[in-house]
Amino acid sequence: MTAERVRVGVLLSGRGTNLAALVEHRRRDPDRAYDIVAVASNVPEARGLVLAKRYGIPTWAQSHKGLERAAFDDLVDAELRAREVEVVALAGYMRLLSPEFIRKWEGRILNIHPSLLPLHKGLDTHRRALMAGDLEAGCSVHVVTEDLDDGPVVAQARVRIAARDDADSLGARVLAEEHKLYPEALNAFCRAFIGRPPE
C-alpha cells in the first residue's frame, strides 16, 4: 500500500453515476485518501465502463452468464489483484458476490445501498419505503459481509418522504444524496485503512 492513498477498485453494472461522484471527489480533494485504479463489470455494455475510460481508468468486463458465481468472482479477484487493489467499492453492482470472494476481501468491500439500513434490504427499496408509510428514506454505506446488506453501516444520509413522492421521485432524491455520501464515506474508510498492516 502507498503511504498516502489507498488503491480502490470499483465494481459496477450500470450507468456509473456513483463512479462519477467518486472520481469527481477525487479530483476536487488534493488530500484525498484514495485513488481509483480499476473499474470492473459483469455487463460489458455498461455505460459506466465508457465513463471510466473517459476518466482514464483501466477497465475490465466480462459477462457472468454461463459461469458459476465463484468461478466468475475468481476472474474479478484476479483482475483486482493484478491492479494491486486494496479496497473494493461496489457502485451499482447488481450481482451478489460469492462467499469465497467476500472472505478474500473481508473488511475491505464497501457498498452503497438505497435505504436506511437495516430497513429495506435487497431490491425495490423506494417503493417498499412508501408502502411501509416511512417518514424518511435515504442511503447507507456499509461494509459487505456474506449476509445481504447486513454489514456494519459506516455512513447514512436521510431524505424526508413527501406526500407527492412516488418511487421515481424519491429514488432521484436519494440518488443525489448517494453522490454526496459515498465519496465522503469511502474517503474516511480509506483514511482509516492507511497504516494498517498488509493482509
N, C-alpha and C. Protein backbone atom coordinates (compact mmCIF):
# COMPACT_ATOMS: atom_id res chain seq x y z
N MET A 1 0.84 -1.20 0.00
CA MET A 1 0.00 0.00 0.00
C MET A 1 0.87 1.24 0.00
N THR A 2 0.45 2.27 -0.76
CA THR A 2 1.17 3.52 -0.76
C THR A 2 1.03 4.19 0.61
N ALA A 3 1.94 5.08 0.91
CA ALA A 3 1.90 5.76 2.19
C ALA A 3 0.77 6.78 2.25
N GLU A 4 0.29 7.23 1.08
CA GLU A 4 -0.64 8.35 1.06
C GLU A 4 -2.06 7.97 0.65
N ARG A 5 -2.22 7.07 -0.31
CA ARG A 5 -3.55 6.80 -0.84
C ARG A 5 -3.78 5.30 -1.01
N VAL A 6 -5.01 4.90 -0.76
CA VAL A 6 -5.43 3.51 -0.92
C VAL A 6 -5.87 3.30 -2.36
N ARG A 7 -5.48 2.16 -2.91
CA ARG A 7 -5.83 1.81 -4.29
C ARG A 7 -7.21 1.14 -4.28
N VAL A 8 -8.18 1.78 -4.92
CA VAL A 8 -9.56 1.33 -4.91
C VAL A 8 -9.95 0.77 -6.28
N GLY A 9 -10.65 -0.38 -6.25
CA GLY A 9 -11.26 -0.93 -7.44
C GLY A 9 -12.77 -0.81 -7.32
N VAL A 10 -13.42 -0.35 -8.38
CA VAL A 10 -14.87 -0.16 -8.39
C VAL A 10 -15.52 -1.24 -9.23
N LEU A 11 -16.58 -1.86 -8.70
CA LEU A 11 -17.38 -2.82 -9.45
C LEU A 11 -18.74 -2.17 -9.75
N LEU A 12 -19.17 -2.25 -11.00
CA LEU A 12 -20.45 -1.65 -11.40
C LEU A 12 -21.12 -2.49 -12.46
N SER A 13 -22.42 -2.24 -12.63
CA SER A 13 -23.18 -2.95 -13.66
C SER A 13 -23.98 -2.02 -14.56
N GLY A 14 -24.02 -0.72 -14.24
CA GLY A 14 -24.93 0.16 -14.96
C GLY A 14 -24.31 1.47 -15.39
N ARG A 15 -25.02 2.56 -15.08
CA ARG A 15 -24.68 3.88 -15.64
C ARG A 15 -23.39 4.47 -15.10
N GLY A 16 -23.03 4.12 -13.88
CA GLY A 16 -21.80 4.65 -13.31
C GLY A 16 -21.93 6.02 -12.67
N THR A 17 -23.14 6.39 -12.22
CA THR A 17 -23.27 7.72 -11.62
C THR A 17 -22.51 7.83 -10.30
N ASN A 18 -22.49 6.75 -9.53
CA ASN A 18 -21.72 6.80 -8.28
C ASN A 18 -20.22 6.76 -8.57
N LEU A 19 -19.82 6.07 -9.64
CA LEU A 19 -18.41 6.13 -10.05
C LEU A 19 -18.02 7.57 -10.34
N ALA A 20 -18.87 8.28 -11.09
CA ALA A 20 -18.57 9.68 -11.41
C ALA A 20 -18.43 10.50 -10.13
N ALA A 21 -19.30 10.27 -9.17
CA ALA A 21 -19.22 11.02 -7.91
C ALA A 21 -17.90 10.73 -7.19
N LEU A 22 -17.49 9.47 -7.19
CA LEU A 22 -16.23 9.11 -6.53
C LEU A 22 -15.03 9.74 -7.23
N VAL A 23 -15.06 9.75 -8.56
CA VAL A 23 -13.95 10.32 -9.31
C VAL A 23 -13.89 11.83 -9.14
N GLU A 24 -15.04 12.48 -9.21
CA GLU A 24 -15.04 13.93 -9.09
C GLU A 24 -14.59 14.38 -7.70
N HIS A 25 -14.96 13.63 -6.68
CA HIS A 25 -14.46 13.93 -5.34
C HIS A 25 -12.95 13.80 -5.31
N ARG A 26 -12.47 12.76 -5.95
CA ARG A 26 -11.02 12.53 -6.01
C ARG A 26 -10.32 13.72 -6.66
N ARG A 27 -10.94 14.26 -7.71
CA ARG A 27 -10.33 15.39 -8.41
C ARG A 27 -10.36 16.66 -7.58
N ARG A 28 -11.44 16.86 -6.82
CA ARG A 28 -11.59 18.11 -6.05
C ARG A 28 -10.71 18.16 -4.81
N ASP A 29 -10.41 17.00 -4.26
CA ASP A 29 -9.74 16.96 -2.95
C ASP A 29 -8.29 16.52 -3.11
N PRO A 30 -7.35 17.44 -3.07
CA PRO A 30 -5.94 17.07 -3.23
C PRO A 30 -5.42 16.21 -2.09
N ASP A 31 -6.12 16.22 -0.95
CA ASP A 31 -5.69 15.43 0.21
C ASP A 31 -6.49 14.14 0.35
N ARG A 32 -7.13 13.72 -0.74
CA ARG A 32 -7.95 12.50 -0.71
C ARG A 32 -7.12 11.30 -0.26
N ALA A 33 -7.83 10.31 0.27
CA ALA A 33 -7.16 9.12 0.79
C ALA A 33 -7.21 7.94 -0.18
N TYR A 34 -7.79 8.13 -1.37
CA TYR A 34 -7.90 7.00 -2.30
C TYR A 34 -7.65 7.43 -3.74
N ASP A 35 -7.22 6.45 -4.53
CA ASP A 35 -7.16 6.57 -5.98
C ASP A 35 -7.94 5.40 -6.58
N ILE A 36 -8.76 5.66 -7.57
CA ILE A 36 -9.47 4.59 -8.27
C ILE A 36 -8.56 4.09 -9.39
N VAL A 37 -8.15 2.85 -9.27
CA VAL A 37 -7.15 2.30 -10.19
C VAL A 37 -7.73 1.25 -11.13
N ALA A 38 -8.99 0.85 -10.94
CA ALA A 38 -9.59 -0.15 -11.80
C ALA A 38 -11.11 -0.07 -11.68
N VAL A 39 -11.78 -0.34 -12.80
CA VAL A 39 -13.24 -0.48 -12.81
C VAL A 39 -13.56 -1.79 -13.52
N ALA A 40 -14.35 -2.64 -12.88
CA ALA A 40 -14.71 -3.94 -13.45
C ALA A 40 -16.23 -4.08 -13.48
N SER A 41 -16.71 -4.85 -14.46
CA SER A 41 -18.15 -5.00 -14.61
C SER A 41 -18.50 -6.39 -15.13
N ASN A 42 -19.68 -6.85 -14.72
CA ASN A 42 -20.23 -8.10 -15.24
C ASN A 42 -21.14 -7.83 -16.44
N VAL A 43 -21.22 -6.57 -16.87
CA VAL A 43 -22.04 -6.17 -18.02
C VAL A 43 -21.13 -5.44 -19.02
N PRO A 44 -20.66 -6.12 -20.05
CA PRO A 44 -19.69 -5.50 -20.97
C PRO A 44 -20.18 -4.21 -21.62
N GLU A 45 -21.51 -4.05 -21.77
CA GLU A 45 -22.05 -2.84 -22.39
C GLU A 45 -22.44 -1.77 -21.38
N ALA A 46 -22.07 -1.93 -20.13
CA ALA A 46 -22.44 -0.96 -19.09
C ALA A 46 -21.90 0.43 -19.43
N ARG A 47 -22.76 1.43 -19.28
CA ARG A 47 -22.35 2.80 -19.58
C ARG A 47 -21.26 3.29 -18.64
N GLY A 48 -21.22 2.70 -17.45
CA GLY A 48 -20.18 3.10 -16.51
C GLY A 48 -18.78 2.81 -16.99
N LEU A 49 -18.63 1.80 -17.85
CA LEU A 49 -17.31 1.48 -18.41
C LEU A 49 -16.85 2.57 -19.37
N VAL A 50 -17.78 3.10 -20.14
CA VAL A 50 -17.45 4.21 -21.04
C VAL A 50 -16.99 5.41 -20.23
N LEU A 51 -17.70 5.67 -19.15
CA LEU A 51 -17.33 6.78 -18.27
C LEU A 51 -15.93 6.57 -17.69
N ALA A 52 -15.65 5.36 -17.22
CA ALA A 52 -14.33 5.07 -16.66
C ALA A 52 -13.23 5.31 -17.68
N LYS A 53 -13.46 4.89 -18.91
CA LYS A 53 -12.45 5.10 -19.96
C LYS A 53 -12.22 6.58 -20.21
N ARG A 54 -13.29 7.37 -20.16
CA ARG A 54 -13.14 8.81 -20.33
C ARG A 54 -12.28 9.42 -19.22
N TYR A 55 -12.38 8.84 -18.04
CA TYR A 55 -11.57 9.31 -16.92
C TYR A 55 -10.15 8.74 -16.96
N GLY A 56 -9.90 7.84 -17.89
CA GLY A 56 -8.57 7.25 -17.99
C GLY A 56 -8.31 6.13 -16.99
N ILE A 57 -9.38 5.52 -16.49
CA ILE A 57 -9.25 4.43 -15.52
C ILE A 57 -9.27 3.09 -16.26
N PRO A 58 -8.34 2.20 -15.99
CA PRO A 58 -8.35 0.88 -16.65
C PRO A 58 -9.64 0.12 -16.34
N THR A 59 -10.19 -0.55 -17.34
CA THR A 59 -11.45 -1.27 -17.18
C THR A 59 -11.29 -2.74 -17.55
N TRP A 60 -12.17 -3.53 -16.99
CA TRP A 60 -12.26 -4.96 -17.31
C TRP A 60 -13.73 -5.33 -17.29
N ALA A 61 -14.17 -6.12 -18.26
CA ALA A 61 -15.57 -6.53 -18.29
C ALA A 61 -15.71 -7.91 -18.90
N GLN A 62 -16.60 -8.68 -18.33
CA GLN A 62 -16.97 -9.98 -18.89
C GLN A 62 -18.35 -10.34 -18.36
N SER A 63 -19.18 -10.89 -19.22
CA SER A 63 -20.50 -11.35 -18.77
C SER A 63 -20.33 -12.54 -17.83
N HIS A 64 -21.17 -12.55 -16.80
CA HIS A 64 -21.14 -13.67 -15.85
C HIS A 64 -21.96 -14.86 -16.35
N LYS A 65 -22.69 -14.66 -17.43
CA LYS A 65 -23.59 -15.71 -17.90
C LYS A 65 -22.81 -16.96 -18.31
N GLY A 66 -23.31 -18.10 -17.87
CA GLY A 66 -22.67 -19.37 -18.19
C GLY A 66 -21.57 -19.78 -17.24
N LEU A 67 -21.29 -18.92 -16.26
CA LEU A 67 -20.24 -19.23 -15.28
C LEU A 67 -20.85 -19.37 -13.89
N GLU A 68 -20.33 -20.29 -13.11
CA GLU A 68 -20.74 -20.37 -11.72
C GLU A 68 -20.27 -19.10 -11.00
N ARG A 69 -21.02 -18.73 -9.95
CA ARG A 69 -20.74 -17.47 -9.25
C ARG A 69 -19.28 -17.40 -8.77
N ALA A 70 -18.83 -18.46 -8.12
CA ALA A 70 -17.47 -18.44 -7.57
C ALA A 70 -16.42 -18.36 -8.68
N ALA A 71 -16.68 -19.05 -9.79
CA ALA A 71 -15.74 -19.03 -10.91
C ALA A 71 -15.64 -17.63 -11.51
N PHE A 72 -16.78 -16.97 -11.68
CA PHE A 72 -16.75 -15.61 -12.20
C PHE A 72 -16.03 -14.67 -11.23
N ASP A 73 -16.33 -14.81 -9.95
CA ASP A 73 -15.70 -13.94 -8.96
C ASP A 73 -14.19 -14.17 -8.89
N ASP A 74 -13.74 -15.37 -9.21
CA ASP A 74 -12.30 -15.61 -9.28
C ASP A 74 -11.66 -14.76 -10.37
N LEU A 75 -12.36 -14.58 -11.48
CA LEU A 75 -11.86 -13.73 -12.56
C LEU A 75 -11.78 -12.28 -12.11
N VAL A 76 -12.81 -11.82 -11.42
CA VAL A 76 -12.82 -10.46 -10.90
C VAL A 76 -11.69 -10.28 -9.89
N ASP A 77 -11.54 -11.23 -9.01
CA ASP A 77 -10.49 -11.18 -7.99
C ASP A 77 -9.11 -11.08 -8.64
N ALA A 78 -8.89 -11.88 -9.67
CA ALA A 78 -7.58 -11.86 -10.35
C ALA A 78 -7.30 -10.50 -10.97
N GLU A 79 -8.33 -9.90 -11.55
CA GLU A 79 -8.15 -8.57 -12.16
C GLU A 79 -7.85 -7.52 -11.10
N LEU A 80 -8.56 -7.55 -10.00
CA LEU A 80 -8.31 -6.58 -8.93
C LEU A 80 -6.90 -6.73 -8.37
N ARG A 81 -6.48 -7.96 -8.18
CA ARG A 81 -5.14 -8.18 -7.63
C ARG A 81 -4.05 -7.79 -8.64
N ALA A 82 -4.33 -7.98 -9.92
CA ALA A 82 -3.36 -7.56 -10.95
C ALA A 82 -3.16 -6.05 -10.92
N ARG A 83 -4.20 -5.33 -10.52
CA ARG A 83 -4.12 -3.87 -10.42
C ARG A 83 -3.71 -3.41 -9.02
N GLU A 84 -3.36 -4.36 -8.16
CA GLU A 84 -2.91 -4.08 -6.79
C GLU A 84 -3.97 -3.29 -6.00
N VAL A 85 -5.23 -3.65 -6.21
CA VAL A 85 -6.34 -3.03 -5.48
C VAL A 85 -6.28 -3.44 -4.02
N GLU A 86 -6.62 -2.48 -3.15
CA GLU A 86 -6.62 -2.74 -1.71
C GLU A 86 -8.01 -2.68 -1.10
N VAL A 87 -8.89 -1.85 -1.66
CA VAL A 87 -10.27 -1.72 -1.19
C VAL A 87 -11.19 -1.78 -2.40
N VAL A 88 -12.31 -2.48 -2.26
CA VAL A 88 -13.29 -2.62 -3.34
C VAL A 88 -14.52 -1.79 -3.00
N ALA A 89 -14.97 -0.99 -3.96
CA ALA A 89 -16.17 -0.18 -3.79
C ALA A 89 -17.22 -0.64 -4.79
N LEU A 90 -18.35 -1.11 -4.30
CA LEU A 90 -19.45 -1.50 -5.16
C LEU A 90 -20.27 -0.26 -5.48
N ALA A 91 -20.50 -0.02 -6.77
CA ALA A 91 -21.22 1.19 -7.20
C ALA A 91 -22.27 0.78 -8.23
N GLY A 92 -23.39 0.27 -7.72
CA GLY A 92 -24.41 -0.23 -8.63
C GLY A 92 -24.02 -1.55 -9.24
N TYR A 93 -23.39 -2.41 -8.46
CA TYR A 93 -23.01 -3.74 -8.93
C TYR A 93 -24.17 -4.68 -8.62
N MET A 94 -24.90 -5.05 -9.66
CA MET A 94 -26.16 -5.77 -9.48
C MET A 94 -25.96 -7.28 -9.51
N ARG A 95 -25.06 -7.72 -8.69
CA ARG A 95 -24.78 -9.15 -8.63
C ARG A 95 -24.29 -9.48 -7.23
N LEU A 96 -24.83 -10.54 -6.65
CA LEU A 96 -24.37 -10.97 -5.34
C LEU A 96 -22.97 -11.55 -5.45
N LEU A 97 -22.11 -11.16 -4.54
CA LEU A 97 -20.75 -11.71 -4.51
C LEU A 97 -20.76 -13.06 -3.82
N SER A 98 -19.88 -13.93 -4.27
CA SER A 98 -19.79 -15.26 -3.66
C SER A 98 -19.16 -15.16 -2.27
N PRO A 99 -19.51 -16.09 -1.38
CA PRO A 99 -18.87 -16.09 -0.05
C PRO A 99 -17.35 -16.17 -0.14
N GLU A 100 -16.86 -16.91 -1.14
CA GLU A 100 -15.41 -17.06 -1.28
C GLU A 100 -14.75 -15.70 -1.57
N PHE A 101 -15.36 -14.92 -2.45
CA PHE A 101 -14.82 -13.60 -2.77
C PHE A 101 -14.86 -12.69 -1.55
N ILE A 102 -15.98 -12.71 -0.85
CA ILE A 102 -16.11 -11.84 0.32
C ILE A 102 -15.09 -12.20 1.39
N ARG A 103 -14.83 -13.48 1.57
CA ARG A 103 -13.83 -13.87 2.56
C ARG A 103 -12.42 -13.41 2.16
N LYS A 104 -12.13 -13.44 0.86
CA LYS A 104 -10.81 -12.98 0.40
C LYS A 104 -10.61 -11.49 0.66
N TRP A 105 -11.70 -10.73 0.59
CA TRP A 105 -11.63 -9.29 0.74
C TRP A 105 -12.31 -8.83 2.04
N GLU A 106 -12.34 -9.68 3.01
CA GLU A 106 -13.07 -9.40 4.26
C GLU A 106 -12.66 -8.06 4.88
N GLY A 107 -13.67 -7.24 5.17
CA GLY A 107 -13.40 -5.95 5.79
C GLY A 107 -12.90 -4.90 4.83
N ARG A 108 -12.85 -5.23 3.52
CA ARG A 108 -12.30 -4.29 2.55
C ARG A 108 -13.23 -4.03 1.37
N ILE A 109 -14.52 -4.36 1.52
CA ILE A 109 -15.51 -4.10 0.49
C ILE A 109 -16.57 -3.17 1.05
N LEU A 110 -16.81 -2.06 0.36
CA LEU A 110 -17.88 -1.13 0.73
C LEU A 110 -18.98 -1.18 -0.33
N ASN A 111 -20.21 -0.93 0.11
CA ASN A 111 -21.35 -0.85 -0.79
C ASN A 111 -22.21 0.35 -0.40
N ILE A 112 -22.87 0.94 -1.40
CA ILE A 112 -23.86 1.97 -1.13
C ILE A 112 -25.23 1.37 -1.45
N HIS A 113 -26.12 1.45 -0.46
CA HIS A 113 -27.44 0.83 -0.59
C HIS A 113 -28.52 1.89 -0.43
N PRO A 114 -29.55 1.89 -1.29
CA PRO A 114 -30.55 2.97 -1.26
C PRO A 114 -31.67 2.77 -0.24
N SER A 115 -31.30 2.60 1.01
CA SER A 115 -32.26 2.61 2.11
C SER A 115 -31.51 2.92 3.39
N LEU A 116 -32.28 3.17 4.43
CA LEU A 116 -31.69 3.39 5.75
C LEU A 116 -31.58 2.03 6.44
N LEU A 117 -30.51 1.33 6.14
CA LEU A 117 -30.32 0.01 6.74
C LEU A 117 -30.37 0.12 8.26
N PRO A 118 -30.95 -0.88 8.94
CA PRO A 118 -31.31 -2.21 8.44
C PRO A 118 -32.68 -2.30 7.75
N LEU A 119 -33.34 -1.18 7.49
CA LEU A 119 -34.61 -1.22 6.78
C LEU A 119 -34.40 -1.54 5.30
N HIS A 120 -35.31 -2.30 4.74
CA HIS A 120 -35.43 -2.49 3.29
C HIS A 120 -34.14 -2.97 2.63
N LYS A 121 -33.69 -4.10 3.08
CA LYS A 121 -32.55 -4.75 2.41
C LYS A 121 -33.02 -5.29 1.06
N GLY A 122 -32.08 -5.46 0.14
CA GLY A 122 -32.42 -6.02 -1.16
C GLY A 122 -32.90 -4.96 -2.14
N LEU A 123 -33.81 -5.36 -3.04
CA LEU A 123 -34.22 -4.52 -4.17
C LEU A 123 -35.52 -3.76 -3.88
N ASP A 124 -35.84 -2.84 -4.81
CA ASP A 124 -37.12 -2.12 -4.81
C ASP A 124 -37.32 -1.33 -3.52
N THR A 125 -36.27 -0.70 -3.05
CA THR A 125 -36.30 -0.09 -1.72
C THR A 125 -37.22 1.12 -1.63
N HIS A 126 -37.29 1.92 -2.69
CA HIS A 126 -38.09 3.15 -2.60
C HIS A 126 -39.58 2.83 -2.55
N ARG A 127 -40.03 1.91 -3.38
CA ARG A 127 -41.43 1.50 -3.34
C ARG A 127 -41.77 0.90 -1.98
N ARG A 128 -40.86 0.10 -1.45
CA ARG A 128 -41.12 -0.54 -0.16
C ARG A 128 -41.19 0.50 0.97
N ALA A 129 -40.35 1.52 0.90
CA ALA A 129 -40.40 2.58 1.92
C ALA A 129 -41.73 3.32 1.86
N LEU A 130 -42.23 3.58 0.65
CA LEU A 130 -43.52 4.25 0.50
C LEU A 130 -44.66 3.36 1.00
N MET A 131 -44.61 2.08 0.64
CA MET A 131 -45.66 1.16 1.05
C MET A 131 -45.69 0.97 2.57
N ALA A 132 -44.52 1.09 3.20
CA ALA A 132 -44.44 0.92 4.65
C ALA A 132 -44.90 2.17 5.41
N GLY A 133 -45.11 3.27 4.69
CA GLY A 133 -45.50 4.51 5.35
C GLY A 133 -44.36 5.19 6.08
N ASP A 134 -43.11 4.91 5.66
CA ASP A 134 -41.95 5.53 6.30
C ASP A 134 -41.99 7.04 6.13
N LEU A 135 -41.54 7.76 7.13
CA LEU A 135 -41.45 9.22 7.05
C LEU A 135 -40.16 9.66 6.37
N GLU A 136 -39.15 8.80 6.42
CA GLU A 136 -37.85 9.11 5.82
C GLU A 136 -37.37 7.92 4.99
N ALA A 137 -36.61 8.23 3.96
CA ALA A 137 -35.85 7.24 3.23
C ALA A 137 -34.39 7.69 3.28
N GLY A 138 -33.56 7.10 2.44
CA GLY A 138 -32.16 7.52 2.43
C GLY A 138 -31.26 6.47 1.86
N CYS A 139 -30.00 6.57 2.21
CA CYS A 139 -29.00 5.64 1.70
C CYS A 139 -27.98 5.34 2.79
N SER A 140 -27.34 4.19 2.65
CA SER A 140 -26.37 3.73 3.65
C SER A 140 -25.12 3.20 2.96
N VAL A 141 -23.98 3.54 3.48
CA VAL A 141 -22.72 2.92 3.07
C VAL A 141 -22.36 1.90 4.14
N HIS A 142 -22.13 0.67 3.71
CA HIS A 142 -21.85 -0.38 4.69
C HIS A 142 -20.74 -1.29 4.20
N VAL A 143 -20.11 -1.95 5.14
CA VAL A 143 -19.10 -2.97 4.84
C VAL A 143 -19.84 -4.24 4.40
N VAL A 144 -19.39 -4.83 3.31
CA VAL A 144 -20.06 -6.02 2.77
C VAL A 144 -19.63 -7.26 3.55
N THR A 145 -20.64 -8.05 3.93
CA THR A 145 -20.41 -9.34 4.57
C THR A 145 -21.16 -10.40 3.77
N GLU A 146 -21.10 -11.63 4.23
CA GLU A 146 -21.76 -12.71 3.50
C GLU A 146 -23.28 -12.63 3.59
N ASP A 147 -23.82 -11.90 4.55
CA ASP A 147 -25.26 -11.71 4.66
C ASP A 147 -25.68 -10.46 3.89
N LEU A 148 -26.72 -10.56 3.09
CA LEU A 148 -27.13 -9.48 2.19
C LEU A 148 -27.43 -8.19 2.95
N ASP A 149 -26.72 -7.11 2.55
CA ASP A 149 -26.96 -5.77 3.09
C ASP A 149 -26.98 -5.76 4.62
N ASP A 150 -26.10 -6.53 5.23
CA ASP A 150 -26.15 -6.72 6.68
C ASP A 150 -24.86 -6.31 7.38
N GLY A 151 -23.87 -5.83 6.63
CA GLY A 151 -22.60 -5.48 7.26
C GLY A 151 -22.68 -4.17 8.02
N PRO A 152 -21.66 -3.86 8.80
CA PRO A 152 -21.66 -2.62 9.59
C PRO A 152 -21.86 -1.38 8.73
N VAL A 153 -22.77 -0.51 9.15
CA VAL A 153 -23.02 0.74 8.45
C VAL A 153 -21.98 1.77 8.88
N VAL A 154 -21.35 2.41 7.90
CA VAL A 154 -20.32 3.41 8.22
C VAL A 154 -20.79 4.83 8.00
N ALA A 155 -21.89 5.02 7.23
CA ALA A 155 -22.42 6.36 7.00
C ALA A 155 -23.84 6.25 6.44
N GLN A 156 -24.67 7.25 6.74
CA GLN A 156 -26.03 7.30 6.20
C GLN A 156 -26.39 8.74 5.87
N ALA A 157 -27.31 8.90 4.91
CA ALA A 157 -27.92 10.19 4.61
C ALA A 157 -29.43 9.98 4.55
N ARG A 158 -30.17 10.94 5.08
CA ARG A 158 -31.63 10.80 5.18
C ARG A 158 -32.34 11.77 4.23
N VAL A 159 -33.47 11.30 3.72
CA VAL A 159 -34.30 12.10 2.82
C VAL A 159 -35.73 12.03 3.34
N ARG A 160 -36.35 13.17 3.60
CA ARG A 160 -37.75 13.16 4.06
C ARG A 160 -38.66 12.79 2.90
N ILE A 161 -39.59 11.90 3.15
CA ILE A 161 -40.54 11.46 2.13
C ILE A 161 -41.69 12.47 2.07
N ALA A 162 -41.93 13.00 0.88
CA ALA A 162 -43.02 13.97 0.68
C ALA A 162 -44.31 13.24 0.29
N ALA A 163 -45.43 13.87 0.57
CA ALA A 163 -46.72 13.26 0.27
C ALA A 163 -46.88 12.98 -1.21
N ARG A 164 -46.24 13.79 -2.05
CA ARG A 164 -46.38 13.65 -3.50
C ARG A 164 -45.40 12.63 -4.09
N ASP A 165 -44.51 12.08 -3.27
CA ASP A 165 -43.47 11.20 -3.79
C ASP A 165 -44.03 9.92 -4.36
N ASP A 166 -43.44 9.48 -5.47
CA ASP A 166 -43.58 8.10 -5.93
C ASP A 166 -42.18 7.50 -5.91
N ALA A 167 -42.06 6.24 -6.33
CA ALA A 167 -40.77 5.57 -6.24
C ALA A 167 -39.70 6.28 -7.08
N ASP A 168 -40.10 6.84 -8.22
CA ASP A 168 -39.14 7.50 -9.10
C ASP A 168 -38.65 8.82 -8.50
N SER A 169 -39.56 9.64 -8.02
CA SER A 169 -39.14 10.93 -7.47
C SER A 169 -38.32 10.74 -6.20
N LEU A 170 -38.73 9.79 -5.37
CA LEU A 170 -37.96 9.52 -4.16
C LEU A 170 -36.59 8.97 -4.51
N GLY A 171 -36.55 8.06 -5.48
CA GLY A 171 -35.29 7.49 -5.90
C GLY A 171 -34.31 8.52 -6.42
N ALA A 172 -34.83 9.52 -7.14
CA ALA A 172 -33.96 10.56 -7.68
C ALA A 172 -33.33 11.39 -6.57
N ARG A 173 -34.12 11.69 -5.54
CA ARG A 173 -33.57 12.48 -4.43
C ARG A 173 -32.60 11.68 -3.58
N VAL A 174 -32.89 10.39 -3.41
CA VAL A 174 -31.95 9.53 -2.68
C VAL A 174 -30.64 9.40 -3.45
N LEU A 175 -30.72 9.24 -4.77
CA LEU A 175 -29.51 9.12 -5.57
C LEU A 175 -28.63 10.36 -5.45
N ALA A 176 -29.26 11.53 -5.41
CA ALA A 176 -28.47 12.76 -5.23
C ALA A 176 -27.71 12.73 -3.91
N GLU A 177 -28.31 12.17 -2.88
CA GLU A 177 -27.63 12.04 -1.59
C GLU A 177 -26.52 10.99 -1.65
N GLU A 178 -26.76 9.92 -2.40
CA GLU A 178 -25.72 8.90 -2.58
C GLU A 178 -24.45 9.54 -3.13
N HIS A 179 -24.63 10.42 -4.12
CA HIS A 179 -23.48 11.03 -4.78
C HIS A 179 -22.67 11.92 -3.84
N LYS A 180 -23.31 12.42 -2.79
CA LYS A 180 -22.59 13.20 -1.78
C LYS A 180 -22.01 12.30 -0.69
N LEU A 181 -22.77 11.30 -0.29
CA LEU A 181 -22.39 10.47 0.85
C LEU A 181 -21.24 9.51 0.52
N TYR A 182 -21.33 8.84 -0.62
CA TYR A 182 -20.37 7.75 -0.90
C TYR A 182 -18.93 8.24 -0.98
N PRO A 183 -18.64 9.33 -1.68
CA PRO A 183 -17.24 9.79 -1.72
C PRO A 183 -16.69 10.11 -0.33
N GLU A 184 -17.49 10.77 0.48
CA GLU A 184 -17.01 11.12 1.83
C GLU A 184 -16.79 9.87 2.67
N ALA A 185 -17.71 8.91 2.56
CA ALA A 185 -17.59 7.68 3.34
C ALA A 185 -16.40 6.85 2.89
N LEU A 186 -16.22 6.75 1.57
CA LEU A 186 -15.07 5.99 1.06
C LEU A 186 -13.76 6.66 1.47
N ASN A 187 -13.73 7.98 1.41
CA ASN A 187 -12.52 8.69 1.79
C ASN A 187 -12.17 8.46 3.25
N ALA A 188 -13.19 8.52 4.12
CA ALA A 188 -12.95 8.29 5.55
C ALA A 188 -12.53 6.85 5.81
N PHE A 189 -13.17 5.91 5.12
CA PHE A 189 -12.82 4.50 5.28
C PHE A 189 -11.37 4.25 4.85
N CYS A 190 -10.97 4.84 3.73
CA CYS A 190 -9.61 4.64 3.23
C CYS A 190 -8.59 5.35 4.11
N ARG A 191 -8.97 6.49 4.66
CA ARG A 191 -8.03 7.19 5.55
C ARG A 191 -7.76 6.32 6.79
N ALA A 192 -8.79 5.65 7.29
CA ALA A 192 -8.59 4.75 8.42
C ALA A 192 -7.80 3.50 8.02
N PHE A 193 -7.93 3.14 6.76
CA PHE A 193 -7.24 1.95 6.24
C PHE A 193 -5.74 2.18 6.13
N ILE A 194 -5.34 3.41 5.85
CA ILE A 194 -3.91 3.72 5.68
C ILE A 194 -3.19 3.40 6.99
N GLY A 195 -2.10 2.72 6.87
CA GLY A 195 -1.29 2.39 8.03
C GLY A 195 -1.59 1.01 8.60
N ARG A 196 -2.70 0.39 8.14
CA ARG A 196 -2.97 -0.98 8.60
C ARG A 196 -1.92 -1.90 8.03
N PRO A 197 -1.56 -2.94 8.76
CA PRO A 197 -0.57 -3.89 8.23
C PRO A 197 -1.13 -4.61 7.00
N PRO A 198 -0.27 -5.05 6.09
CA PRO A 198 -0.74 -5.75 4.91
C PRO A 198 -1.51 -7.01 5.27
N GLU A 199 -2.49 -7.35 4.39
CA GLU A 199 -3.29 -8.57 4.63
C GLU A 199 -2.41 -9.80 4.39
